[in-house]
């Protein structure tokens, strides 16, 4: 599957990508928006939130690796980002 080139495929186990923002409030807004996507897909990513940065990491716990659900999630995140 194809994803934005800024997504890193870590050992065929999970995908992660970092975004930069001008401040904490913008980063938090992004987390809330992506969190709503996760909730709608019932596939929940991990977030690392800091001042001006967000790291999103996803994998499928039921297979302990990547599945179609991860690719669908990053595709939708890419469309909104």
PDB file of N, CA and C in Angstrom:
ATOM      1  N   UNK A   1       0.849  -1.180   0.000  1.00  0.00           N
ATOM      2  CA  UNK A   1       0.000   0.000   0.000  1.00  0.00           C
ATOM      3  C   UNK A   1       0.895   1.244   0.000  1.00  0.00           C
ATOM      4  N   UNK A   2       0.370   2.280  -0.600  1.00  0.00           N
ATOM      5  CA  UNK A   2       1.095   3.542  -0.661  1.00  0.00           C
ATOM      6  C   UNK A   2       0.581   4.491   0.413  1.00  0.00           C
ATOM      7  N   UNK A   3       1.486   5.240   0.966  1.00  0.00           N
ATOM      8  CA  UNK A   3       1.144   6.286   1.934  1.00  0.00           C
ATOM      9  C   UNK A   3       2.054   7.464   1.638  1.00  0.00           C
ATOM     10  N   UNK A   4       1.758   8.590   2.243  1.00  0.00           N
ATOM     11  CA  UNK A   4       2.611   9.759   2.102  1.00  0.00           C
ATOM     12  C   UNK A   4       4.047   9.347   2.439  1.00  0.00           C
ATOM     13  N   UNK A   5       5.029   9.855   1.696  1.00  0.00           N
ATOM     14  CA  UNK A   5       6.411   9.426   1.940  1.00  0.00           C
ATOM     15  C   UNK A   5       6.961   9.783   3.322  1.00  0.00           C
ATOM     16  N   UNK A   6       6.290  10.656   4.054  1.00  0.00           N
ATOM     17  CA  UNK A   6       6.758  10.983   5.405  1.00  0.00           C
ATOM     18  C   UNK A   6       6.376   9.931   6.445  1.00  0.00           C
ATOM     19  N   UNK A   7       5.536   8.967   6.064  1.00  0.00           N
ATOM     20  CA  UNK A   7       5.245   7.856   6.971  1.00  0.00           C
ATOM     21  C   UNK A   7       6.428   6.904   6.948  1.00  0.00           C
ATOM     22  N   UNK A   8       6.886   6.523   8.105  1.00  0.00           N
ATOM     23  CA  UNK A   8       7.976   5.561   8.229  1.00  0.00           C
ATOM     24  C   UNK A   8       7.408   4.202   8.586  1.00  0.00           C
ATOM     25  N   UNK A   9       7.787   3.197   7.819  1.00  0.00           N
ATOM     26  CA  UNK A   9       7.390   1.825   8.087  1.00  0.00           C
ATOM     27  C   UNK A   9       8.486   1.215   8.961  1.00  0.00           C
ATOM     28  N   UNK A  10       8.170   0.984  10.211  1.00  0.00           N
ATOM     29  CA  UNK A  10       9.144   0.502  11.184  1.00  0.00           C
ATOM     30  C   UNK A  10       9.058  -1.017  11.281  1.00  0.00           C
ATOM     31  N   UNK A  11      10.045  -1.677  10.688  1.00  0.00           N
ATOM     32  CA  UNK A  11      10.185  -3.139  10.760  1.00  0.00           C
ATOM     33  C   UNK A  11       8.930  -3.900  10.333  1.00  0.00           C
ATOM     34  N   UNK A  12       8.181  -3.349   9.384  1.00  0.00           N
ATOM     35  CA  UNK A  12       6.931  -3.979   8.940  1.00  0.00           C
ATOM     36  C   UNK A  12       5.974  -4.234  10.107  1.00  0.00           C
ATOM     37  N   UNK A  13       6.169  -3.502  11.208  1.00  0.00           N
ATOM     38  CA  UNK A  13       5.346  -3.684  12.400  1.00  0.00           C
ATOM     39  C   UNK A  13       4.399  -2.518  12.634  1.00  0.00           C
ATOM     40  N   UNK A  14       4.879  -1.288  12.428  1.00  0.00           N
ATOM     41  CA  UNK A  14       4.004  -0.132  12.619  1.00  0.00           C
ATOM     42  C   UNK A  14       4.437   1.016  11.708  1.00  0.00           C
ATOM     43  N   UNK A  15       3.520   1.949  11.547  1.00  0.00           N
ATOM     44  CA  UNK A  15       3.757   3.150  10.750  1.00  0.00           C
ATOM     45  C   UNK A  15       3.784   4.336  11.696  1.00  0.00           C
ATOM     46  N   UNK A  16       4.679   5.288  11.413  1.00  0.00           N
ATOM     47  CA  UNK A  16       4.690   6.504  12.216  1.00  0.00           C
ATOM     48  C   UNK A  16       5.093   7.694  11.356  1.00  0.00           C
ATOM     49  N   UNK A  17       4.562   8.835  11.750  1.00  0.00           N
ATOM     50  CA  UNK A  17       4.832  10.079  11.044  1.00  0.00           C
ATOM     51  C   UNK A  17       4.755  11.224  12.050  1.00  0.00           C
ATOM     52  N   UNK A  18       5.625  12.200  11.857  1.00  0.00           N
ATOM     53  CA  UNK A  18       5.634  13.366  12.745  1.00  0.00           C
ATOM     54  C   UNK A  18       5.236  14.609  11.959  1.00  0.00           C
ATOM     55  N   UNK A  19       4.445  15.445  12.617  1.00  0.00           N
ATOM     56  CA  UNK A  19       4.045  16.738  12.072  1.00  0.00           C
ATOM     57  C   UNK A  19       4.585  17.834  12.972  1.00  0.00           C
ATOM     58  N   UNK A  20       4.899  18.973  12.370  1.00  0.00           N
ATOM     59  CA  UNK A  20       5.360  20.145  13.111  1.00  0.00           C
ATOM     60  C   UNK A  20       4.290  21.228  13.040  1.00  0.00           C
ATOM     61  N   UNK A  21       4.142  21.988  14.132  1.00  0.00           N
ATOM     62  CA  UNK A  21       3.145  23.046  14.237  1.00  0.00           C
ATOM     63  C   UNK A  21       3.775  24.273  14.885  1.00  0.00           C
ATOM     64  N   UNK A  22       3.160  25.439  14.696  1.00  0.00           N
ATOM     65  CA  UNK A  22       3.749  26.658  15.248  1.00  0.00           C
ATOM     66  C   UNK A  22       3.587  26.807  16.755  1.00  0.00           C
ATOM     67  N   UNK A  23       2.701  25.992  17.358  1.00  0.00           N
ATOM     68  CA  UNK A  23       2.452  26.129  18.793  1.00  0.00           C
ATOM     69  C   UNK A  23       1.749  24.884  19.326  1.00  0.00           C
ATOM     70  N   UNK A  24       1.569  24.853  20.626  1.00  0.00           N
ATOM     71  CA  UNK A  24       0.934  23.705  21.272  1.00  0.00           C
ATOM     72  C   UNK A  24      -0.537  23.579  20.889  1.00  0.00           C
ATOM     73  N   UNK A  25      -1.244  24.710  20.837  1.00  0.00           N
ATOM     74  CA  UNK A  25      -2.682  24.675  20.540  1.00  0.00           C
ATOM     75  C   UNK A  25      -2.954  24.060  19.176  1.00  0.00           C
ATOM     76  N   UNK A  26      -2.144  24.382  18.179  1.00  0.00           N
ATOM     77  CA  UNK A  26      -2.319  23.815  16.839  1.00  0.00           C
ATOM     78  C   UNK A  26      -2.047  22.316  16.835  1.00  0.00           C
ATOM     79  N   UNK A  27      -1.025  21.905  17.565  1.00  0.00           N
ATOM     80  CA  UNK A  27      -0.712  20.483  17.660  1.00  0.00           C
ATOM     81  C   UNK A  27      -1.855  19.727  18.337  1.00  0.00           C
ATOM     82  N   UNK A  28      -2.401  20.297  19.394  1.00  0.00           N
ATOM     83  CA  UNK A  28      -3.508  19.665  20.106  1.00  0.00           C
ATOM     84  C   UNK A  28      -4.758  19.581  19.221  1.00  0.00           C
ATOM     85  N   UNK A  29      -5.026  20.600  18.461  1.00  0.00           N
ATOM     86  CA  UNK A  29      -6.165  20.582  17.534  1.00  0.00           C
ATOM     87  C   UNK A  29      -6.005  19.452  16.518  1.00  0.00           C
ATOM     88  N   UNK A  30      -4.788  19.270  16.011  1.00  0.00           N
ATOM     89  CA  UNK A  30      -4.514  18.183  15.077  1.00  0.00           C
ATOM     90  C   UNK A  30      -4.779  16.829  15.736  1.00  0.00           C
ATOM     91  N   UNK A  31      -4.315  16.645  16.957  1.00  0.00           N
ATOM     92  CA  UNK A  31      -4.551  15.385  17.667  1.00  0.00           C
ATOM     93  C   UNK A  31      -6.053  15.129  17.804  1.00  0.00           C
ATOM     94  N   UNK A  32      -6.809  16.139  18.157  1.00  0.00           N
ATOM     95  CA  UNK A  32      -8.256  15.961  18.307  1.00  0.00           C
ATOM     96  C   UNK A  32      -8.925  15.609  16.986  1.00  0.00           C
ATOM     97  N   UNK A  33      -8.478  16.217  15.895  1.00  0.00           N
ATOM     98  CA  UNK A  33      -9.047  15.926  14.573  1.00  0.00           C
ATOM     99  C   UNK A  33      -8.712  14.496  14.150  1.00  0.00           C
ATOM    100  N   UNK A  34      -7.453  14.114  14.297  1.00  0.00           N
ATOM    101  CA  UNK A  34      -7.053  12.750  13.929  1.00  0.00           C
ATOM    102  C   UNK A  34      -7.694  11.741  14.883  1.00  0.00           C
ATOM    103  N   UNK A  35      -7.830  12.100  16.143  1.00  0.00           N
ATOM    104  CA  UNK A  35      -8.500  11.223  17.097  1.00  0.00           C
ATOM    105  C   UNK A  35      -9.931  10.919  16.690  1.00  0.00           C
ATOM    106  N   UNK A  36     -10.619  11.901  16.127  1.00  0.00           N
ATOM    107  CA  UNK A  36     -11.988  11.689  15.647  1.00  0.00           C
ATOM    108  C   UNK A  36     -11.999  10.708  14.471  1.00  0.00           C
ATOM    109  N   UNK A  37     -10.997  10.782  13.609  1.00  0.00           N
ATOM    110  CA  UNK A  37     -10.875   9.823  12.505  1.00  0.00           C
ATOM    111  C   UNK A  37     -10.666   8.424  13.069  1.00  0.00           C
ATOM    112  N   UNK A  38      -9.789   8.301  14.042  1.00  0.00           N
ATOM    113  CA  UNK A  38      -9.539   7.004  14.677  1.00  0.00           C
ATOM    114  C   UNK A  38     -10.819   6.445  15.285  1.00  0.00           C
ATOM    115  N   UNK A  39     -11.548   7.294  15.966  1.00  0.00           N
ATOM    116  CA  UNK A  39     -12.789   6.858  16.605  1.00  0.00           C
ATOM    117  C   UNK A  39     -13.801   6.397  15.559  1.00  0.00           C
ATOM    118  N   UNK A  40     -13.922   7.135  14.466  1.00  0.00           N
ATOM    119  CA  UNK A  40     -14.865   6.776  13.402  1.00  0.00           C
ATOM    120  C   UNK A  40     -14.492   5.435  12.765  1.00  0.00           C
ATOM    121  N   UNK A  41     -13.194   5.153  12.667  1.00  0.00           N
ATOM    122  CA  UNK A  41     -12.749   3.890  12.073  1.00  0.00           C
ATOM    123  C   UNK A  41     -12.635   2.764  13.102  1.00  0.00           C
ATOM    124  N   UNK A  42     -12.810   3.098  14.371  1.00  0.00           N
ATOM    125  CA  UNK A  42     -12.623   2.131  15.467  1.00  0.00           C
ATOM    126  C   UNK A  42     -11.247   1.463  15.361  1.00  0.00           C
ATOM    127  N   UNK A  43     -10.250   2.312  15.061  1.00  0.00           N
ATOM    128  CA  UNK A  43      -8.868   1.856  14.947  1.00  0.00           C
ATOM    129  C   UNK A  43      -8.007   2.978  15.515  1.00  0.00           C
ATOM    130  N   UNK A  44      -7.484   2.784  16.694  1.00  0.00           N
ATOM    131  CA  UNK A  44      -6.937   3.883  17.481  1.00  0.00           C
ATOM    132  C   UNK A  44      -5.416   3.930  17.448  1.00  0.00           C
ATOM    133  N   UNK A  45      -4.911   5.038  16.937  1.00  0.00           N
ATOM    134  CA  UNK A  45      -3.473   5.270  16.859  1.00  0.00           C
ATOM    135  C   UNK A  45      -2.945   5.730  18.212  1.00  0.00           C
ATOM    136  N   UNK A  46      -1.635   5.717  18.332  1.00  0.00           N
ATOM    137  CA  UNK A  46      -0.966   6.325  19.486  1.00  0.00           C
ATOM    138  C   UNK A  46      -0.485   7.711  19.070  1.00  0.00           C
ATOM    139  N   UNK A  47      -0.496   8.623  20.036  1.00  0.00           N
ATOM    140  CA  UNK A  47      -0.058   9.996  19.779  1.00  0.00           C
ATOM    141  C   UNK A  47       1.009  10.387  20.794  1.00  0.00           C
ATOM    142  N   UNK A  48       2.040  11.061  20.317  1.00  0.00           N
ATOM    143  CA  UNK A  48       2.984  11.756  21.186  1.00  0.00           C
ATOM    144  C   UNK A  48       2.807  13.233  20.878  1.00  0.00           C
ATOM    145  N   UNK A  49       2.341  13.971  21.863  1.00  0.00           N
ATOM    146  CA  UNK A  49       2.032  15.389  21.707  1.00  0.00           C
ATOM    147  C   UNK A  49       3.030  16.209  22.505  1.00  0.00           C
ATOM    148  N   UNK A  50       3.618  17.180  21.854  1.00  0.00           N
ATOM    149  CA  UNK A  50       4.526  18.097  22.521  1.00  0.00           C
ATOM    150  C   UNK A  50       4.326  19.498  21.959  1.00  0.00           C
ATOM    151  N   UNK A  51       5.089  20.438  22.461  1.00  0.00           N
ATOM    152  CA  UNK A  51       4.966  21.801  21.972  1.00  0.00           C
ATOM    153  C   UNK A  51       5.389  21.828  20.509  1.00  0.00           C
ATOM    154  N   UNK A  52       4.415  22.074  19.622  1.00  0.00           N
ATOM    155  CA  UNK A  52       4.702  22.229  18.203  1.00  0.00           C
ATOM    156  C   UNK A  52       4.988  20.952  17.444  1.00  0.00           C
ATOM    157  N   UNK A  53       4.650  19.800  18.031  1.00  0.00           N
ATOM    158  CA  UNK A  53       4.897  18.551  17.316  1.00  0.00           C
ATOM    159  C   UNK A  53       3.912  17.467  17.745  1.00  0.00           C
ATOM    160  N   UNK A  54       3.609  16.599  16.785  1.00  0.00           N
ATOM    161  CA  UNK A  54       2.777  15.423  17.048  1.00  0.00           C
ATOM    162  C   UNK A  54       3.368  14.258  16.283  1.00  0.00           C
ATOM    163  N   UNK A  55       3.554  13.149  16.967  1.00  0.00           N
ATOM    164  CA  UNK A  55       3.942  11.897  16.334  1.00  0.00           C
ATOM    165  C   UNK A  55       2.736  10.975  16.394  1.00  0.00           C
ATOM    166  N   UNK A  56       2.360  10.417  15.244  1.00  0.00           N
ATOM    167  CA  UNK A  56       1.267   9.449  15.169  1.00  0.00           C
ATOM    168  C   UNK A  56       1.888   8.097  14.835  1.00  0.00           C
ATOM    169  N   UNK A  57       1.467   7.080  15.581  1.00  0.00           N
ATOM    170  CA  UNK A  57       1.974   5.720  15.367  1.00  0.00           C
ATOM    171  C   UNK A  57       0.765   4.788  15.328  1.00  0.00           C
ATOM    172  N   UNK A  58       0.763   3.866  14.360  1.00  0.00           N
ATOM    173  CA  UNK A  58      -0.350   2.929  14.263  1.00  0.00           C
ATOM    174  C   UNK A  58       0.124   1.535  13.882  1.00  0.00           C
ATOM    175  N   UNK A  59      -0.538   0.552  14.448  1.00  0.00           N
ATOM    176  CA  UNK A  59      -0.394  -0.849  14.063  1.00  0.00           C
ATOM    177  C   UNK A  59      -1.628  -1.572  14.577  1.00  0.00           C
ATOM    178  N   UNK A  60      -1.805  -2.784  14.100  1.00  0.00           N
ATOM    179  CA  UNK A  60      -2.978  -3.576  14.485  1.00  0.00           C
ATOM    180  C   UNK A  60      -2.571  -4.543  15.585  1.00  0.00           C
ATOM    181  N   UNK A  61      -3.112  -4.326  16.749  1.00  0.00           N
ATOM    182  CA  UNK A  61      -2.753  -5.132  17.915  1.00  0.00           C
ATOM    183  C   UNK A  61      -3.153  -6.597  17.742  1.00  0.00           C
ATOM    184  N   UNK A  62      -4.259  -6.839  17.032  1.00  0.00           N
ATOM    185  CA  UNK A  62      -4.738  -8.216  16.894  1.00  0.00           C
ATOM    186  C   UNK A  62      -3.798  -9.086  16.056  1.00  0.00           C
ATOM    187  N   UNK A  63      -2.992  -8.464  15.180  1.00  0.00           N
ATOM    188  CA  UNK A  63      -2.022  -9.226  14.387  1.00  0.00           C
ATOM    189  C   UNK A  63      -0.581  -8.872  14.765  1.00  0.00           C
ATOM    190  N   UNK A  64      -0.437  -7.980  15.741  1.00  0.00           N
ATOM    191  CA  UNK A  64       0.863  -7.492  16.195  1.00  0.00           C
ATOM    192  C   UNK A  64       1.725  -7.037  15.018  1.00  0.00           C
ATOM    193  N   UNK A  65       1.104  -6.253  14.163  1.00  0.00           N
ATOM    194  CA  UNK A  65       1.790  -5.727  12.988  1.00  0.00           C
ATOM    195  C   UNK A  65       0.833  -4.908  12.146  1.00  0.00           C
ATOM    196  N   UNK A  66       1.206  -4.738  10.902  1.00  0.00           N
ATOM    197  CA  UNK A  66       0.401  -3.917   9.999  1.00  0.00           C
ATOM    198  C   UNK A  66      -0.704  -4.727   9.346  1.00  0.00           C
ATOM    199  N   UNK A  67      -1.848  -4.065   9.186  1.00  0.00           N
ATOM    200  CA  UNK A  67      -2.977  -4.666   8.472  1.00  0.00           C
ATOM    201  C   UNK A  67      -3.588  -3.603   7.568  1.00  0.00           C
ATOM    202  N   UNK A  68      -4.560  -4.012   6.808  1.00  0.00           N
ATOM    203  CA  UNK A  68      -5.283  -3.099   5.916  1.00  0.00           C
ATOM    204  C   UNK A  68      -5.848  -1.905   6.689  1.00  0.00           C
ATOM    205  N   UNK A  69      -6.243  -2.140   7.925  1.00  0.00           N
ATOM    206  CA  UNK A  69      -6.828  -1.060   8.726  1.00  0.00           C
ATOM    207  C   UNK A  69      -5.838   0.073   8.948  1.00  0.00           C
ATOM    208  N   UNK A  70      -4.564  -0.243   9.118  1.00  0.00           N
ATOM    209  CA  UNK A  70      -3.548   0.794   9.308  1.00  0.00           C
ATOM    210  C   UNK A  70      -3.386   1.635   8.052  1.00  0.00           C
ATOM    211  N   UNK A  71      -3.361   0.967   6.903  1.00  0.00           N
ATOM    212  CA  UNK A  71      -3.210   1.700   5.649  1.00  0.00           C
ATOM    213  C   UNK A  71      -4.414   2.590   5.384  1.00  0.00           C
ATOM    214  N   UNK A  72      -5.603   2.108   5.723  1.00  0.00           N
ATOM    215  CA  UNK A  72      -6.809   2.936   5.561  1.00  0.00           C
ATOM    216  C   UNK A  72      -6.753   4.147   6.494  1.00  0.00           C
ATOM    217  N   UNK A  73      -6.276   3.946   7.697  1.00  0.00           N
ATOM    218  CA  UNK A  73      -6.185   5.053   8.645  1.00  0.00           C
ATOM    219  C   UNK A  73      -5.203   6.112   8.152  1.00  0.00           C
ATOM    220  N   UNK A  74      -4.006   5.710   7.746  1.00  0.00           N
ATOM    221  CA  UNK A  74      -3.032   6.713   7.312  1.00  0.00           C
ATOM    222  C   UNK A  74      -3.486   7.406   6.031  1.00  0.00           C
ATOM    223  N   UNK A  75      -4.186   6.693   5.180  1.00  0.00           N
ATOM    224  CA  UNK A  75      -4.730   7.304   3.957  1.00  0.00           C
ATOM    225  C   UNK A  75      -5.699   8.427   4.314  1.00  0.00           C
ATOM    226  N   UNK A  76      -6.576   8.181   5.258  1.00  0.00           N
ATOM    227  CA  UNK A  76      -7.538   9.215   5.648  1.00  0.00           C
ATOM    228  C   UNK A  76      -6.849  10.368   6.373  1.00  0.00           C
ATOM    229  N   UNK A  77      -5.881  10.077   7.203  1.00  0.00           N
ATOM    230  CA  UNK A  77      -5.123  11.134   7.875  1.00  0.00           C
ATOM    231  C   UNK A  77      -4.415  11.987   6.824  1.00  0.00           C
ATOM    232  N   UNK A  78      -3.804  11.347   5.837  1.00  0.00           N
ATOM    233  CA  UNK A  78      -3.112  12.085   4.770  1.00  0.00           C
ATOM    234  C   UNK A  78      -4.056  13.007   4.018  1.00  0.00           C
ATOM    235  N   UNK A  79      -5.289  12.586   3.822  1.00  0.00           N
ATOM    236  CA  UNK A  79      -6.257  13.412   3.091  1.00  0.00           C
ATOM    237  C   UNK A  79      -6.629  14.671   3.854  1.00  0.00           C
ATOM    238  N   UNK A  80      -6.595  14.618   5.180  1.00  0.00           N
ATOM    239  CA  UNK A  80      -6.988  15.800   5.957  1.00  0.00           C
ATOM    240  C   UNK A  80      -5.795  16.673   6.332  1.00  0.00           C
ATOM    241  N   UNK A  81      -4.611  16.095   6.316  1.00  0.00           N
ATOM    242  CA  UNK A  81      -3.417  16.830   6.762  1.00  0.00           C
ATOM    243  C   UNK A  81      -2.855  17.734   5.670  1.00  0.00           C
TER     244      UNK A  81
END
